[in-house]
């Protein structure tokens, strides 16, 4: 088992990674919350169908348990699902001595954390992420639901009491979810060290060839990158915004495509390519962008954008992004790998980057 301590201005907690973590979770609850009244599991319904009965039955040996099953993916992060979850808690006598467990991927972590932060003005929660993607969202305390006009527009900063990664849950991940998770790993590499990125390029050749030790090493490196930034800037006053590398254009693409129609990670990968193009143009980043695109395309990332989604539509969504200033999007760009900067980009530059993205399938032969 590996342990990473996350320190923020409001709380310090551990992220534990290993296999067969349920016993560690029950021990943690009995130690940290000896008077817990109810353990409230908020779970992804698909994940629960695979692992939930065993997980919840083990907890029921020690605590009263109630279970709310939410739709899979971004569909969980709606006002309707949030209302339904709160109603479930009230009807099942969840109180202020209760504990929420977020059991699923990043979307469930966002939903469950937001439910916990607002239920009776806030009750504690722990994360039990079941996807590689969630190594990013489960650490740092950003919890939210979506609004039709933008992703994660309704939320707050609310740190978990602990996070428990059981690598056994990764065994059932489909290839598209592994790719989605590794997009955030690649993002953390761009924000830290060229050696991290080189290691990924060397060892990540195909989804079905990933080894447990390599996955664990990537998770640890990624969590440490995020933890270091969050410890310095918990509520995104300045440098935490660097973690949005690839997300401004990526969120716009994800939203315009319809939540759930393409994965978050694949959308972020498109956003990173967009930001790398801008970084070369405006920051002098030295990178063989075409080589990077061929690598990620060979892994299975679809970098195409449906022709019905216009640049004007994406620009409008980027201007509505919560990180925008004076109605213009702010981008995280790179002067070099590990050296990010926040920058406003002229609209003609944004349009040029959009044209570059749309031309990718022509020269990669993917479409």
Protein backbone atom coordinates (compact mmCIF):
# COMPACT_ATOMS: atom_id res chain seq x y z
CA UNK A 1 0.00 0.00 0.00
CA UNK A 2 1.19 3.51 -0.87
CA UNK A 3 0.28 6.65 1.04
CA UNK A 4 0.39 10.29 -0.08
CA UNK A 5 -0.43 13.09 2.34
CA UNK A 6 -2.31 16.08 0.94
CA UNK A 7 -1.98 19.30 2.92
CA UNK A 8 -4.22 22.30 2.30
CA UNK A 9 -4.96 25.40 4.32
CA UNK A 10 -8.23 23.86 5.54
CA UNK A 11 -7.34 20.20 6.01
CA UNK A 12 -4.69 17.50 5.80
CA UNK A 13 -5.66 14.02 4.65
CA UNK A 14 -4.17 10.88 3.17
CA UNK A 15 -4.59 9.27 -0.23
CA UNK A 16 -4.03 5.51 0.04
CA UNK A 17 -3.41 3.30 -2.99
CA UNK A 18 -3.36 -0.47 -3.07
CA UNK A 19 -5.44 -3.60 -3.60
CA UNK A 20 -8.22 -4.85 -1.35
CA UNK A 21 -8.79 -1.56 0.47
CA UNK A 22 -12.19 -2.23 2.07
CA UNK A 23 -10.67 -3.29 5.40
CA UNK A 24 -8.60 -0.10 5.44
CA UNK A 25 -11.78 1.93 4.90
CA UNK A 26 -13.69 0.26 7.75
CA UNK A 27 -10.71 0.74 10.07
CA UNK A 28 -10.46 4.40 9.06
CA UNK A 29 -14.14 5.02 9.76
CA UNK A 30 -14.05 3.32 13.16
CA UNK A 31 -10.93 5.29 14.13
CA UNK A 32 -11.85 8.72 12.78
CA UNK A 33 -15.65 8.55 13.15
CA UNK A 34 -16.38 6.23 16.09
CA UNK A 35 -19.83 7.78 16.59
CA UNK A 36 -20.90 7.65 12.93
CA UNK A 37 -24.68 7.25 12.69
CA UNK A 38 -25.00 6.20 9.03
CA UNK A 39 -22.63 5.47 6.19
CA UNK A 40 -24.24 6.94 3.09
CA UNK A 41 -22.84 5.41 -0.09
CA UNK A 42 -23.42 7.53 -3.20
CA UNK A 43 -22.47 5.24 -6.04
CA UNK A 44 -22.28 5.02 -9.80
CA UNK A 45 -25.03 2.52 -10.65
CA UNK A 46 -22.83 0.66 -13.16
CA UNK A 47 -19.90 0.42 -10.76
CA UNK A 48 -22.22 -0.67 -7.97
CA UNK A 49 -23.55 -3.51 -10.13
CA UNK A 50 -19.98 -4.84 -10.37
CA UNK A 51 -18.53 -4.18 -6.93
CA UNK A 52 -21.13 -2.53 -4.76
CA UNK A 53 -22.77 -5.49 -3.09
CA UNK A 54 -19.50 -6.83 -1.71
CA UNK A 55 -18.35 -3.34 -0.68
CA UNK A 56 -21.61 -2.37 1.03
CA UNK A 57 -22.08 -5.76 2.70
CA UNK A 58 -18.66 -5.46 4.31
CA UNK A 59 -19.55 -2.03 5.65
CA UNK A 60 -22.92 -3.28 6.91
CA UNK A 61 -21.09 -5.62 9.27
CA UNK A 62 -20.05 -2.56 11.27
CA UNK A 63 -22.34 0.39 10.44
CA UNK A 64 -25.86 1.27 9.33
CA UNK A 65 -25.62 1.81 5.56
CA UNK A 66 -27.89 3.55 3.06
CA UNK A 67 -27.17 3.53 -0.67
CA UNK A 68 -28.06 6.03 -3.38
CA UNK A 69 -27.27 4.92 -6.94
CA UNK A 70 -26.71 7.69 -9.47
CA UNK A 71 -26.51 7.49 -13.27
CA UNK A 72 -23.09 6.82 -14.72
CA UNK A 73 -20.81 9.57 -15.98
CA UNK A 74 -21.67 13.23 -16.37
CA UNK A 75 -25.39 12.44 -16.24
CA UNK A 76 -24.91 12.18 -12.46
CA UNK A 77 -23.98 15.84 -12.21
CA UNK A 78 -27.40 17.36 -12.88
CA UNK A 79 -29.73 19.40 -10.69
CA UNK A 80 -32.32 16.60 -10.87
CA UNK A 81 -29.89 13.95 -9.63
CA UNK A 82 -28.59 16.29 -6.93
CA UNK A 83 -32.17 16.91 -5.72
CA UNK A 84 -32.93 13.19 -5.80
CA UNK A 85 -29.79 12.41 -3.78
CA UNK A 86 -30.59 15.01 -1.12
CA UNK A 87 -34.13 13.64 -0.91
CA UNK A 88 -32.76 10.12 -0.47
CA UNK A 89 -30.62 11.30 2.43
CA UNK A 90 -33.52 13.03 4.17
CA UNK A 91 -35.90 10.09 3.71
CA UNK A 92 -33.32 7.64 5.02
CA UNK A 93 -32.58 9.66 8.17
CA UNK A 94 -29.06 10.71 7.26
CA UNK A 95 -27.97 13.25 9.86
CA UNK A 96 -24.99 15.41 10.76
CA UNK A 97 -23.15 12.46 12.32
CA UNK A 98 -23.32 10.57 9.04
CA UNK A 99 -20.50 10.01 6.56
CA UNK A 100 -20.75 10.05 2.76
CA UNK A 101 -18.70 7.63 0.65
CA UNK A 102 -18.24 8.59 -3.00
CA UNK A 103 -18.07 5.22 -4.78
CA UNK A 104 -17.34 5.56 -8.48
CA UNK A 105 -15.49 7.70 -10.97
CA UNK A 106 -14.82 11.42 -11.09
CA UNK A 107 -18.40 12.43 -11.79
CA UNK A 108 -19.66 10.56 -8.73
CA UNK A 109 -16.89 12.12 -6.67
CA UNK A 110 -18.03 15.56 -7.79
CA UNK A 111 -21.69 14.81 -7.09
CA UNK A 112 -21.16 13.05 -3.76
CA UNK A 113 -18.73 15.68 -2.55
CA UNK A 114 -21.17 18.46 -3.43
CA UNK A 115 -24.02 16.59 -1.74
CA UNK A 116 -21.88 16.15 1.38
CA UNK A 117 -20.83 19.81 1.37
CA UNK A 118 -24.43 21.06 1.27
CA UNK A 119 -26.41 18.42 3.19
CA UNK A 120 -27.34 19.97 6.54
CA UNK A 121 -24.64 22.60 5.86
CA UNK A 122 -21.98 19.97 5.43
CA UNK A 123 -21.15 16.43 6.56
CA UNK A 124 -17.83 14.60 6.06
CA UNK A 125 -17.09 12.41 3.07
CA UNK A 126 -14.40 10.06 1.83
CA UNK A 127 -13.57 9.15 -1.74
CA UNK A 128 -13.36 5.61 -3.09
CA UNK A 129 -12.46 6.29 -6.73
CA UNK A 130 -12.93 3.43 -9.17
CA UNK A 131 -11.35 4.97 -12.30
CA UNK A 132 -7.92 6.20 -13.32
CA UNK A 133 -9.47 9.54 -14.30
CA UNK A 134 -10.58 10.12 -10.71
CA UNK A 135 -6.96 10.34 -9.51
CA UNK A 136 -7.27 13.97 -10.57
CA UNK A 137 -10.75 14.89 -9.39
CA UNK A 138 -10.64 12.92 -6.12
CA UNK A 139 -7.75 15.02 -4.80
CA UNK A 140 -8.02 18.72 -4.09
CA UNK A 141 -11.56 19.28 -2.90
CA UNK A 142 -13.29 20.64 -6.00
CA UNK A 143 -16.89 19.40 -5.91
CA UNK A 144 -19.62 20.46 -8.31
CA UNK A 145 -22.53 19.72 -10.57
CA UNK A 146 -23.08 20.96 -14.10
CA UNK A 147 -25.36 23.64 -15.51
CA UNK A 148 -26.67 23.45 -19.09
CA UNK A 149 -24.61 26.56 -19.83
CA UNK A 150 -21.35 25.19 -18.45
CA UNK A 151 -19.51 22.37 -16.74
CA UNK A 152 -18.97 22.48 -12.96
CA UNK A 153 -20.69 25.86 -12.67
CA UNK A 154 -22.37 25.02 -9.35
CA UNK A 155 -19.97 23.88 -6.67
CA UNK A 156 -17.40 24.74 -4.06
CA UNK A 157 -14.14 23.67 -2.41
CA UNK A 158 -14.75 20.92 0.13
CA UNK A 159 -11.96 18.56 1.08
CA UNK A 160 -12.51 14.86 1.76
CA UNK A 161 -11.47 13.16 4.99
CA UNK A 162 -9.49 10.60 3.03
CA UNK A 163 -9.23 8.95 -0.38
CA UNK A 164 -8.86 5.20 -0.96
CA UNK A 165 -7.80 3.85 -4.35
CA UNK A 166 -8.38 0.12 -4.78
CA UNK A 167 -6.59 -0.87 -7.96
CA UNK A 168 -8.76 -3.99 -8.25
CA UNK A 169 -11.56 -1.75 -9.48
CA UNK A 170 -9.51 -0.81 -12.55
CA UNK A 171 -9.67 -4.36 -13.92
CA UNK A 172 -13.10 -3.80 -15.47
CA UNK A 173 -12.40 -0.38 -17.02
CA UNK A 174 -13.10 -0.26 -20.77
CA UNK A 175 -10.35 1.07 -22.99
CA UNK A 176 -12.04 4.45 -23.48
CA UNK A 177 -12.08 5.00 -19.70
CA UNK A 178 -8.41 4.06 -19.37
CA UNK A 179 -7.61 6.59 -22.09
CA UNK A 180 -9.79 9.17 -20.37
CA UNK A 181 -7.83 8.70 -17.15
CA UNK A 182 -4.45 8.83 -18.82
CA UNK A 183 -5.28 12.19 -20.39
CA UNK A 184 -5.09 13.67 -16.89
CA UNK A 185 -1.86 11.74 -16.23
CA UNK A 186 -0.38 13.29 -19.38
CA UNK A 187 -1.61 16.69 -18.23
CA UNK A 188 0.27 16.28 -14.95
CA UNK A 189 3.39 15.33 -16.89
CA UNK A 190 3.20 18.54 -18.93
CA UNK A 191 2.87 20.52 -15.71
CA UNK A 192 5.85 18.87 -14.02
CA UNK A 193 8.81 17.28 -15.80
CA UNK A 194 9.84 16.31 -19.33
CA UNK A 195 11.14 13.03 -17.89
CA UNK A 196 7.62 12.14 -16.74
CA UNK A 197 6.29 12.77 -20.25
CA UNK A 198 9.16 10.81 -21.84
CA UNK A 199 8.44 7.89 -19.52
CA UNK A 200 4.80 7.90 -20.64
CA UNK A 201 5.76 7.99 -24.32
CA UNK A 202 8.13 5.07 -23.81
CA UNK A 203 5.90 2.84 -21.71
CA UNK A 204 2.37 3.71 -22.77
CA UNK A 205 2.10 1.98 -26.13
CA UNK A 206 -1.30 0.32 -25.91
CA UNK A 207 -4.13 0.25 -23.39
CA UNK A 208 -4.15 -3.54 -23.16
CA UNK A 209 -0.44 -3.64 -22.36
CA UNK A 210 -0.52 -1.44 -19.27
CA UNK A 211 0.91 -3.13 -16.18
CA UNK A 212 -0.34 -2.64 -12.62
CA UNK A 213 3.02 -1.33 -11.40
CA UNK A 214 3.15 1.25 -14.18
CA UNK A 215 -0.42 2.38 -13.51
CA UNK A 216 0.34 2.72 -9.80
CA UNK A 217 3.52 4.70 -10.52
CA UNK A 218 1.61 7.04 -12.85
CA UNK A 219 -1.12 7.60 -10.27
CA UNK A 220 1.40 8.39 -7.55
CA UNK A 221 3.27 10.86 -9.76
CA UNK A 222 0.06 12.53 -10.91
CA UNK A 223 -1.37 12.84 -7.39
CA UNK A 224 1.90 14.29 -6.13
CA UNK A 225 1.87 16.93 -8.87
CA UNK A 226 -1.66 17.95 -8.00
CA UNK A 227 -1.08 17.75 -4.24
CA UNK A 228 1.93 20.06 -4.45
CA UNK A 229 -0.05 22.69 -6.33
CA UNK A 230 -3.18 22.39 -4.17
CA UNK A 231 -1.14 22.68 -0.97
CA UNK A 232 0.05 26.11 -2.13
CA UNK A 233 -3.28 27.34 -3.49
CA UNK A 234 -6.33 25.47 -2.21
CA UNK A 235 -9.01 27.76 -3.67
CA UNK A 236 -7.47 28.64 -7.02
CA UNK A 237 -6.36 32.16 -6.22
CA UNK A 238 -3.43 31.78 -8.60
CA UNK A 239 -1.28 28.73 -9.40
CA UNK A 240 -4.01 26.12 -8.95
CA UNK A 241 -5.44 27.45 -12.19
CA UNK A 242 -2.48 25.73 -13.91
CA UNK A 243 -4.32 22.44 -13.35
CA UNK A 244 -6.81 23.65 -15.95
CA UNK A 245 -4.27 23.00 -18.70
CA UNK A 246 -6.29 21.63 -21.61
CA UNK A 247 -9.62 22.24 -19.91
CA UNK A 248 -10.80 25.55 -21.39
CA UNK A 249 -11.21 24.33 -24.97
CA UNK A 250 -11.70 20.76 -23.71
CA UNK A 251 -14.68 21.69 -21.53
CA UNK A 252 -16.22 23.59 -24.46
CA UNK A 253 -15.86 20.56 -26.73
CA UNK A 254 -17.25 18.23 -24.06
CA UNK A 255 -20.24 20.46 -23.42
CA UNK A 256 -20.95 21.11 -27.11
CA UNK A 257 -20.76 17.40 -27.85
CA UNK A 258 -23.39 16.71 -25.19
CA UNK A 259 -22.31 15.47 -21.77
CA UNK A 260 -21.68 11.75 -21.92
CA UNK A 261 -21.18 11.62 -25.70
CA UNK A 262 -17.41 11.76 -25.36
CA UNK A 263 -15.28 11.20 -22.30
CA UNK A 264 -13.92 14.00 -20.17
CA UNK A 265 -10.36 12.82 -20.68
CA UNK A 266 -10.61 12.66 -24.45
CA UNK A 267 -12.07 16.19 -24.44
CA UNK A 268 -9.16 17.36 -22.27
CA UNK A 269 -6.72 15.70 -24.67
CA UNK A 270 -8.19 17.76 -27.52
CA UNK A 271 -7.90 20.80 -25.26
CA UNK A 272 -4.26 20.04 -24.52
CA UNK A 273 -3.40 19.80 -28.22
CA UNK A 274 -5.18 23.13 -28.69
CA UNK A 275 -3.21 24.67 -25.81
CA UNK A 276 0.07 23.21 -27.08
CA UNK A 277 -0.51 24.85 -30.47
CA UNK A 278 -1.10 28.18 -28.72
CA UNK A 279 1.96 27.59 -26.51
CA UNK A 280 4.17 27.16 -29.56
CA UNK A 281 2.72 30.28 -31.18
CA UNK A 282 2.68 32.63 -28.20
CA UNK A 283 5.15 31.22 -25.66
CA UNK A 284 7.85 29.67 -27.82
CA UNK A 285 7.28 26.15 -26.48
CA UNK A 286 9.68 23.76 -28.12
CA UNK A 287 7.74 20.58 -28.85
CA UNK A 288 7.21 18.32 -31.83
CA UNK A 289 3.45 18.71 -31.75
CA UNK A 290 2.84 16.50 -34.78
CA UNK A 291 4.80 13.67 -33.13
CA UNK A 292 2.78 14.07 -29.92
CA UNK A 293 -0.48 13.98 -31.90
CA UNK A 294 0.54 10.80 -33.73
CA UNK A 295 1.41 9.16 -30.41
CA UNK A 296 -1.89 9.93 -28.69
CA UNK A 297 -3.84 9.09 -31.86
CA UNK A 298 -2.11 5.70 -32.01
CA UNK A 299 -3.29 5.05 -28.45
CA UNK A 300 -6.90 5.54 -29.51
CA UNK A 301 -7.69 9.18 -28.72
CA UNK A 302 -10.19 10.63 -31.18
CA UNK A 303 -9.15 14.24 -31.76
CA UNK A 304 -11.85 15.03 -34.29
CA UNK A 305 -14.62 17.56 -33.71
CA UNK A 306 -18.02 17.09 -35.31
CA UNK A 307 -18.45 19.51 -38.19
CA UNK A 308 -21.77 20.69 -36.77
CA UNK A 309 -19.92 22.16 -33.77
CA UNK A 310 -18.71 25.55 -35.00
CA UNK A 311 -15.79 27.54 -33.65
CA UNK A 312 -18.21 30.36 -32.83
CA UNK A 313 -20.21 27.98 -30.64
CA UNK A 314 -17.06 26.79 -28.85
CA UNK A 315 -15.83 30.37 -28.42
CA UNK A 316 -19.10 31.34 -26.77
CA UNK A 317 -18.75 28.45 -24.34
CA UNK A 318 -15.13 29.37 -23.63
CA UNK A 319 -16.18 32.94 -22.89
CA UNK A 320 -18.75 31.58 -20.42
CA UNK A 321 -16.09 29.50 -18.68
CA UNK A 322 -15.85 30.32 -14.97
CA UNK A 323 -12.15 31.15 -15.40
CA UNK A 324 -12.83 33.82 -18.03
CA UNK A 325 -11.98 37.45 -17.37
CA UNK A 326 -13.76 40.35 -19.01
CA UNK A 327 -15.69 37.85 -21.16
CA UNK A 328 -12.53 36.42 -22.68
CA UNK A 329 -11.18 32.96 -21.90
CA UNK A 330 -7.93 32.62 -19.98
CA UNK A 331 -5.66 29.80 -21.12
CA UNK A 332 -3.00 27.82 -19.34
CA UNK A 333 -0.08 27.72 -21.76
CA UNK A 334 3.46 26.37 -21.45
CA UNK A 335 6.70 28.25 -21.91
CA UNK A 336 8.32 24.85 -21.52
CA UNK A 337 7.29 21.59 -19.92
CA UNK A 338 6.85 22.27 -16.21
CA UNK A 339 6.63 26.04 -16.72
CA UNK A 340 2.96 27.03 -17.18
CA UNK A 341 1.61 30.55 -17.52
CA UNK A 342 -1.88 32.10 -17.65
CA UNK A 343 -2.55 34.08 -20.79
CA UNK A 344 -5.29 35.84 -22.72
CA UNK A 345 -5.08 34.92 -26.40
CA UNK A 346 -6.36 37.10 -29.28
CA UNK A 347 -9.47 35.77 -30.95
CA UNK A 348 -7.67 35.26 -34.27
CA UNK A 349 -5.19 33.01 -32.46
CA UNK A 350 -8.01 31.00 -30.94
CA UNK A 351 -9.55 30.59 -34.38
CA UNK A 352 -6.21 29.49 -35.86
CA UNK A 353 -5.81 26.85 -33.16
CA UNK A 354 -9.35 25.63 -33.85
CA UNK A 355 -8.54 25.26 -37.55
CA UNK A 356 -5.42 23.30 -36.63
CA UNK A 357 -7.47 20.88 -34.51
CA UNK A 358 -10.02 20.37 -37.29
CA UNK A 359 -7.27 19.60 -39.81
CA UNK A 360 -5.69 16.84 -37.68
CA UNK A 361 -7.78 13.94 -39.10
CA UNK A 362 -6.74 14.96 -42.62
CA UNK A 363 -3.07 14.30 -42.05
CA UNK A 364 -3.28 11.51 -39.49
CA UNK A 365 -5.64 9.53 -41.71
CA UNK A 366 -7.97 8.83 -38.80
CA UNK A 367 -11.11 9.91 -40.64
